[in-house]
Amino acid sequence: MPVSEQELERIADEMYLQRRILTSTYCGRCGYNLKSLPILYVCPECGNEYNARPLKMKGIFLPNAAEFPFGDIVASGFCLLMTVLITVRGLTPLNPDMLLLALGFLAMTMWLVIKSAGMLATYVKAIKIAKR
């Protein structure tokens, strides 16, 4: 008789109820160090539910996984430069195809800036946690 995915998750969670976190692992909301707490629990600092099971990692923040988004920042700068150059080229003389290409570069620039901002916020959070 096949076992449902929810039943497998429940069994796995029960297996981890008595186990403890052995390394520095931080709450995804407040940054509290969860080391020595149960793998499935709530943060004693802010009440955030977390699941530190390997391959699950819900509500967990690992500061060593946060990197400065240097590549994305450089790529967004390049896309912005290309947007400006192609826009100038498309306006003298007026070329709708070039302006459409510039619009594509502008969309990519905006996406990269938003992505970089999120990664930068995560990096800053990791720096603050590391200073504790």
N, C-alpha and C. Protein backbone atom coordinates (compact mmCIF):
# COMPACT_ATOMS: atom_id res chain seq x y z
N MET A 1 0.84 -1.17 0.00
CA MET A 1 0.00 0.00 0.00
C MET A 1 0.89 1.25 0.00
N PRO A 2 0.73 2.16 -1.00
CA PRO A 2 1.59 3.33 -1.08
C PRO A 2 1.29 4.33 0.05
N VAL A 3 2.33 5.03 0.46
CA VAL A 3 2.22 6.03 1.52
C VAL A 3 2.21 7.40 0.87
N SER A 4 1.32 8.27 1.33
CA SER A 4 1.21 9.61 0.74
C SER A 4 2.42 10.47 1.13
N GLU A 5 2.62 11.51 0.37
CA GLU A 5 3.75 12.41 0.63
C GLU A 5 3.59 13.11 1.99
N GLN A 6 2.34 13.47 2.35
CA GLN A 6 2.10 14.11 3.64
C GLN A 6 2.43 13.16 4.79
N GLU A 7 2.11 11.89 4.61
CA GLU A 7 2.40 10.90 5.64
C GLU A 7 3.91 10.72 5.80
N LEU A 8 4.64 10.72 4.69
CA LEU A 8 6.10 10.63 4.76
C LEU A 8 6.70 11.83 5.47
N GLU A 9 6.17 13.03 5.20
CA GLU A 9 6.64 14.25 5.87
C GLU A 9 6.37 14.16 7.37
N ARG A 10 5.20 13.69 7.76
CA ARG A 10 4.85 13.55 9.17
C ARG A 10 5.79 12.58 9.87
N ILE A 11 6.08 11.44 9.22
CA ILE A 11 6.98 10.44 9.80
C ILE A 11 8.39 11.03 9.96
N ALA A 12 8.86 11.75 8.94
CA ALA A 12 10.18 12.36 9.00
C ALA A 12 10.25 13.41 10.12
N ASP A 13 9.20 14.21 10.24
CA ASP A 13 9.16 15.21 11.31
C ASP A 13 9.21 14.55 12.68
N GLU A 14 8.49 13.46 12.85
CA GLU A 14 8.50 12.75 14.13
C GLU A 14 9.89 12.20 14.45
N MET A 15 10.60 11.76 13.44
CA MET A 15 11.95 11.25 13.65
C MET A 15 12.88 12.35 14.17
N TYR A 16 12.65 13.58 13.74
CA TYR A 16 13.53 14.68 14.11
C TYR A 16 13.10 15.43 15.36
N LEU A 17 11.96 15.09 15.94
CA LEU A 17 11.46 15.83 17.11
C LEU A 17 12.43 15.81 18.28
N GLN A 18 13.13 14.72 18.51
CA GLN A 18 14.03 14.61 19.66
C GLN A 18 15.46 15.04 19.35
N ARG A 19 15.78 15.29 18.08
CA ARG A 19 17.15 15.66 17.72
C ARG A 19 17.37 17.15 17.91
N ARG A 20 18.63 17.54 18.12
CA ARG A 20 19.00 18.92 18.38
C ARG A 20 19.86 19.48 17.25
N ILE A 21 19.85 20.79 17.10
CA ILE A 21 20.70 21.47 16.13
C ILE A 21 22.10 21.53 16.72
N LEU A 22 23.09 21.05 15.98
CA LEU A 22 24.45 20.93 16.51
C LEU A 22 25.38 22.07 16.08
N THR A 23 24.99 22.84 15.08
CA THR A 23 25.85 23.93 14.61
C THR A 23 25.11 25.25 14.70
N SER A 24 25.83 26.34 14.56
CA SER A 24 25.19 27.65 14.59
C SER A 24 24.25 27.80 13.41
N THR A 25 22.99 27.88 13.71
CA THR A 25 21.92 28.05 12.73
C THR A 25 21.03 29.15 13.29
N TYR A 26 20.59 30.05 12.43
CA TYR A 26 19.92 31.25 12.92
C TYR A 26 18.47 31.31 12.46
N CYS A 27 17.64 31.96 13.29
CA CYS A 27 16.23 32.17 12.97
C CYS A 27 16.13 33.06 11.73
N GLY A 28 15.23 32.70 10.84
CA GLY A 28 15.06 33.47 9.62
C GLY A 28 14.40 34.82 9.84
N ARG A 29 13.76 35.03 10.98
CA ARG A 29 13.08 36.30 11.24
C ARG A 29 13.95 37.24 12.08
N CYS A 30 14.49 36.76 13.21
CA CYS A 30 15.19 37.68 14.13
C CYS A 30 16.69 37.44 14.20
N GLY A 31 17.20 36.32 13.68
CA GLY A 31 18.63 36.04 13.70
C GLY A 31 19.12 35.37 14.97
N TYR A 32 18.23 34.93 15.84
CA TYR A 32 18.60 34.25 17.09
C TYR A 32 19.32 32.94 16.77
N ASN A 33 20.39 32.64 17.50
CA ASN A 33 21.14 31.41 17.29
C ASN A 33 20.35 30.24 17.87
N LEU A 34 19.99 29.29 17.02
CA LEU A 34 19.14 28.15 17.41
C LEU A 34 19.94 26.92 17.83
N LYS A 35 21.26 27.06 17.95
CA LYS A 35 22.11 25.93 18.31
C LYS A 35 21.65 25.34 19.64
N SER A 36 21.58 24.02 19.69
CA SER A 36 21.18 23.19 20.82
C SER A 36 19.67 23.11 21.03
N LEU A 37 18.89 23.81 20.21
CA LEU A 37 17.43 23.69 20.29
C LEU A 37 16.97 22.52 19.42
N PRO A 38 15.74 22.05 19.60
CA PRO A 38 15.23 20.95 18.75
C PRO A 38 15.20 21.35 17.28
N ILE A 39 15.32 20.38 16.40
CA ILE A 39 15.33 20.62 14.96
C ILE A 39 13.98 21.17 14.49
N LEU A 40 12.88 20.74 15.11
CA LEU A 40 11.55 21.26 14.82
C LEU A 40 11.06 21.99 16.07
N TYR A 41 10.88 23.30 15.98
CA TYR A 41 10.49 24.05 17.17
C TYR A 41 10.09 25.46 16.76
N VAL A 42 9.95 26.33 17.74
CA VAL A 42 9.72 27.75 17.49
C VAL A 42 10.85 28.53 18.14
N CYS A 43 11.22 29.63 17.53
CA CYS A 43 12.29 30.47 18.04
C CYS A 43 11.87 31.05 19.40
N PRO A 44 12.69 30.90 20.43
CA PRO A 44 12.32 31.43 21.74
C PRO A 44 12.36 32.97 21.78
N GLU A 45 13.03 33.58 20.83
CA GLU A 45 13.14 35.04 20.79
C GLU A 45 11.92 35.71 20.16
N CYS A 46 11.47 35.19 18.99
CA CYS A 46 10.40 35.87 18.26
C CYS A 46 9.16 35.00 17.98
N GLY A 47 9.24 33.70 18.26
CA GLY A 47 8.09 32.81 18.04
C GLY A 47 7.95 32.29 16.62
N ASN A 48 8.96 32.52 15.77
CA ASN A 48 8.95 32.04 14.39
C ASN A 48 9.08 30.51 14.37
N GLU A 49 8.15 29.83 13.70
CA GLU A 49 8.28 28.38 13.55
C GLU A 49 9.40 28.08 12.57
N TYR A 50 10.21 27.09 12.91
CA TYR A 50 11.29 26.71 12.00
C TYR A 50 11.37 25.20 11.89
N ASN A 51 12.01 24.77 10.82
CA ASN A 51 12.25 23.35 10.57
C ASN A 51 13.66 23.26 10.03
N ALA A 52 14.60 22.83 10.84
CA ALA A 52 16.00 22.77 10.45
C ALA A 52 16.40 21.40 9.90
N ARG A 53 15.40 20.62 9.49
CA ARG A 53 15.72 19.33 8.87
C ARG A 53 16.52 19.54 7.61
N PRO A 54 17.54 18.74 7.37
CA PRO A 54 18.25 18.85 6.10
C PRO A 54 17.26 18.67 4.95
N LEU A 55 17.43 19.41 3.91
CA LEU A 55 16.59 19.43 2.71
C LEU A 55 15.24 20.10 2.94
N LYS A 56 14.93 20.54 4.16
CA LYS A 56 13.66 21.22 4.43
C LYS A 56 13.92 22.70 4.68
N MET A 57 14.68 23.02 5.70
CA MET A 57 15.13 24.36 6.06
C MET A 57 14.06 25.44 5.88
N LYS A 58 13.07 25.41 6.70
CA LYS A 58 11.99 26.42 6.68
C LYS A 58 12.16 27.32 7.90
N GLY A 59 12.18 28.64 7.68
CA GLY A 59 12.32 29.58 8.77
C GLY A 59 13.72 29.68 9.33
N ILE A 60 14.71 29.26 8.53
CA ILE A 60 16.10 29.22 8.95
C ILE A 60 16.91 30.21 8.12
N PHE A 61 17.91 30.82 8.74
CA PHE A 61 18.81 31.73 8.04
C PHE A 61 20.24 31.25 8.27
N LEU A 62 20.97 31.00 7.20
CA LEU A 62 22.36 30.57 7.30
C LEU A 62 23.25 31.71 6.80
N PRO A 63 23.88 32.47 7.70
CA PRO A 63 24.65 33.63 7.27
C PRO A 63 25.83 33.31 6.37
N ASN A 64 26.41 32.12 6.52
CA ASN A 64 27.55 31.79 5.66
C ASN A 64 27.14 31.53 4.22
N ALA A 65 25.83 31.40 3.97
CA ALA A 65 25.34 31.21 2.60
C ALA A 65 25.08 32.54 1.91
N ALA A 66 25.12 33.65 2.65
CA ALA A 66 24.85 34.97 2.08
C ALA A 66 26.15 35.55 1.52
N GLU A 67 26.11 35.93 0.27
CA GLU A 67 27.29 36.50 -0.39
C GLU A 67 26.97 37.90 -0.90
N PHE A 68 27.98 38.73 -1.01
CA PHE A 68 27.81 40.05 -1.59
C PHE A 68 27.48 39.88 -3.07
N PRO A 69 26.42 40.53 -3.58
CA PRO A 69 25.98 40.31 -4.97
C PRO A 69 26.79 41.10 -5.99
N PHE A 70 28.10 40.94 -5.96
CA PHE A 70 28.98 41.70 -6.84
C PHE A 70 28.66 41.46 -8.32
N GLY A 71 28.49 40.21 -8.71
CA GLY A 71 28.22 39.87 -10.11
C GLY A 71 26.92 40.49 -10.62
N ASP A 72 25.88 40.44 -9.80
CA ASP A 72 24.59 41.02 -10.20
C ASP A 72 24.66 42.54 -10.30
N ILE A 73 25.43 43.17 -9.42
CA ILE A 73 25.58 44.62 -9.47
C ILE A 73 26.32 45.03 -10.74
N VAL A 74 27.38 44.30 -11.08
CA VAL A 74 28.12 44.59 -12.31
C VAL A 74 27.24 44.35 -13.53
N ALA A 75 26.48 43.26 -13.53
CA ALA A 75 25.59 42.95 -14.65
C ALA A 75 24.52 44.01 -14.81
N SER A 76 23.97 44.52 -13.70
CA SER A 76 22.95 45.56 -13.82
C SER A 76 23.55 46.85 -14.33
N GLY A 77 24.77 47.17 -13.95
CA GLY A 77 25.47 48.34 -14.49
C GLY A 77 25.69 48.21 -15.99
N PHE A 78 26.11 47.03 -16.42
CA PHE A 78 26.32 46.78 -17.85
C PHE A 78 25.01 46.92 -18.62
N CYS A 79 23.95 46.32 -18.09
CA CYS A 79 22.64 46.42 -18.77
C CYS A 79 22.15 47.86 -18.83
N LEU A 80 22.40 48.64 -17.78
CA LEU A 80 22.01 50.05 -17.79
C LEU A 80 22.79 50.82 -18.85
N LEU A 81 24.09 50.55 -18.94
CA LEU A 81 24.91 51.19 -19.97
C LEU A 81 24.42 50.83 -21.36
N MET A 82 24.11 49.55 -21.58
CA MET A 82 23.60 49.12 -22.88
C MET A 82 22.25 49.77 -23.19
N THR A 83 21.40 49.92 -22.16
CA THR A 83 20.11 50.58 -22.35
C THR A 83 20.30 52.00 -22.84
N VAL A 84 21.21 52.73 -22.21
CA VAL A 84 21.45 54.13 -22.60
C VAL A 84 22.02 54.20 -24.01
N LEU A 85 23.02 53.38 -24.31
CA LEU A 85 23.65 53.42 -25.64
C LEU A 85 22.67 53.04 -26.75
N ILE A 86 21.88 52.00 -26.53
CA ILE A 86 20.94 51.56 -27.55
C ILE A 86 19.80 52.56 -27.71
N THR A 87 19.38 53.20 -26.61
CA THR A 87 18.34 54.22 -26.70
C THR A 87 18.82 55.41 -27.52
N VAL A 88 20.03 55.86 -27.27
CA VAL A 88 20.59 56.97 -28.05
C VAL A 88 20.69 56.58 -29.51
N ARG A 89 21.14 55.39 -29.77
CA ARG A 89 21.27 54.91 -31.16
C ARG A 89 19.89 54.78 -31.83
N GLY A 90 18.87 54.39 -31.06
CA GLY A 90 17.53 54.22 -31.61
C GLY A 90 16.79 55.52 -31.84
N LEU A 91 17.24 56.60 -31.19
CA LEU A 91 16.57 57.89 -31.35
C LEU A 91 17.15 58.73 -32.48
N THR A 92 18.38 58.46 -32.91
CA THR A 92 19.00 59.25 -33.98
C THR A 92 19.51 58.35 -35.09
N PRO A 93 18.88 58.18 -36.18
CA PRO A 93 17.49 58.47 -36.52
C PRO A 93 16.57 57.49 -35.80
N LEU A 94 15.30 57.81 -35.77
CA LEU A 94 14.31 57.00 -35.05
C LEU A 94 14.26 55.58 -35.62
N ASN A 95 14.54 54.60 -34.73
CA ASN A 95 14.56 53.19 -35.13
C ASN A 95 13.78 52.40 -34.06
N PRO A 96 12.53 52.01 -34.37
CA PRO A 96 11.69 51.30 -33.38
C PRO A 96 12.29 49.98 -32.91
N ASP A 97 13.01 49.28 -33.78
CA ASP A 97 13.62 48.00 -33.38
C ASP A 97 14.68 48.20 -32.30
N MET A 98 15.48 49.25 -32.44
CA MET A 98 16.51 49.54 -31.44
C MET A 98 15.87 49.95 -30.12
N LEU A 99 14.78 50.73 -30.20
CA LEU A 99 14.09 51.14 -28.98
C LEU A 99 13.46 49.95 -28.27
N LEU A 100 12.97 48.99 -29.02
CA LEU A 100 12.42 47.78 -28.43
C LEU A 100 13.52 46.97 -27.74
N LEU A 101 14.69 46.90 -28.37
CA LEU A 101 15.84 46.23 -27.76
C LEU A 101 16.25 46.95 -26.48
N ALA A 102 16.24 48.28 -26.51
CA ALA A 102 16.58 49.07 -25.32
C ALA A 102 15.58 48.79 -24.20
N LEU A 103 14.32 48.64 -24.55
CA LEU A 103 13.30 48.32 -23.55
C LEU A 103 13.57 46.96 -22.90
N GLY A 104 14.02 46.01 -23.70
CA GLY A 104 14.38 44.69 -23.15
C GLY A 104 15.54 44.80 -22.17
N PHE A 105 16.56 45.59 -22.53
CA PHE A 105 17.69 45.79 -21.62
C PHE A 105 17.25 46.52 -20.34
N LEU A 106 16.32 47.47 -20.48
CA LEU A 106 15.82 48.18 -19.32
C LEU A 106 15.09 47.23 -18.38
N ALA A 107 14.29 46.32 -18.93
CA ALA A 107 13.58 45.34 -18.11
C ALA A 107 14.57 44.44 -17.37
N MET A 108 15.63 44.01 -18.07
CA MET A 108 16.64 43.16 -17.45
C MET A 108 17.38 43.93 -16.35
N THR A 109 17.65 45.21 -16.61
CA THR A 109 18.32 46.05 -15.61
C THR A 109 17.48 46.14 -14.35
N MET A 110 16.18 46.38 -14.52
CA MET A 110 15.30 46.49 -13.35
C MET A 110 15.23 45.17 -12.58
N TRP A 111 15.16 44.07 -13.28
CA TRP A 111 15.12 42.76 -12.62
C TRP A 111 16.40 42.52 -11.82
N LEU A 112 17.56 42.84 -12.43
CA LEU A 112 18.83 42.64 -11.74
C LEU A 112 18.97 43.55 -10.53
N VAL A 113 18.48 44.79 -10.62
CA VAL A 113 18.56 45.71 -9.49
C VAL A 113 17.71 45.21 -8.33
N ILE A 114 16.50 44.74 -8.62
CA ILE A 114 15.62 44.22 -7.57
C ILE A 114 16.24 42.98 -6.93
N LYS A 115 16.78 42.09 -7.76
CA LYS A 115 17.42 40.87 -7.26
C LYS A 115 18.64 41.22 -6.40
N SER A 116 19.45 42.18 -6.85
CA SER A 116 20.64 42.59 -6.11
C SER A 116 20.27 43.22 -4.78
N ALA A 117 19.20 44.01 -4.77
CA ALA A 117 18.77 44.65 -3.53
C ALA A 117 18.37 43.61 -2.48
N GLY A 118 17.66 42.57 -2.91
CA GLY A 118 17.29 41.50 -1.99
C GLY A 118 18.50 40.75 -1.46
N MET A 119 19.44 40.46 -2.35
CA MET A 119 20.65 39.75 -1.94
C MET A 119 21.50 40.63 -1.03
N LEU A 120 21.53 41.92 -1.30
CA LEU A 120 22.30 42.85 -0.47
C LEU A 120 21.70 42.95 0.92
N ALA A 121 20.38 42.95 1.01
CA ALA A 121 19.71 42.98 2.32
C ALA A 121 20.05 41.71 3.12
N THR A 122 20.07 40.57 2.45
CA THR A 122 20.43 39.31 3.11
C THR A 122 21.87 39.35 3.57
N TYR A 123 22.76 39.92 2.74
CA TYR A 123 24.17 40.02 3.09
C TYR A 123 24.36 40.92 4.31
N VAL A 124 23.66 42.04 4.36
CA VAL A 124 23.75 42.96 5.51
C VAL A 124 23.24 42.26 6.77
N LYS A 125 22.17 41.50 6.64
CA LYS A 125 21.64 40.74 7.79
C LYS A 125 22.69 39.75 8.30
N ALA A 126 23.39 39.08 7.36
CA ALA A 126 24.42 38.12 7.75
C ALA A 126 25.57 38.82 8.47
N ILE A 127 25.95 40.00 8.01
CA ILE A 127 27.02 40.76 8.66
C ILE A 127 26.60 41.13 10.09
N LYS A 128 25.36 41.57 10.27
CA LYS A 128 24.88 41.93 11.62
C LYS A 128 24.88 40.73 12.54
N ILE A 129 24.46 39.57 12.02
CA ILE A 129 24.45 38.36 12.85
C ILE A 129 25.85 37.94 13.20
N ALA A 130 26.78 38.05 12.26
CA ALA A 130 28.18 37.65 12.51
C ALA A 130 28.84 38.53 13.57
N LYS A 131 28.39 39.77 13.72
CA LYS A 131 28.97 40.67 14.71
C LYS A 131 28.49 40.40 16.13
N ARG A 132 27.47 39.57 16.30
CA ARG A 132 26.94 39.28 17.64
C ARG A 132 27.91 38.48 18.45
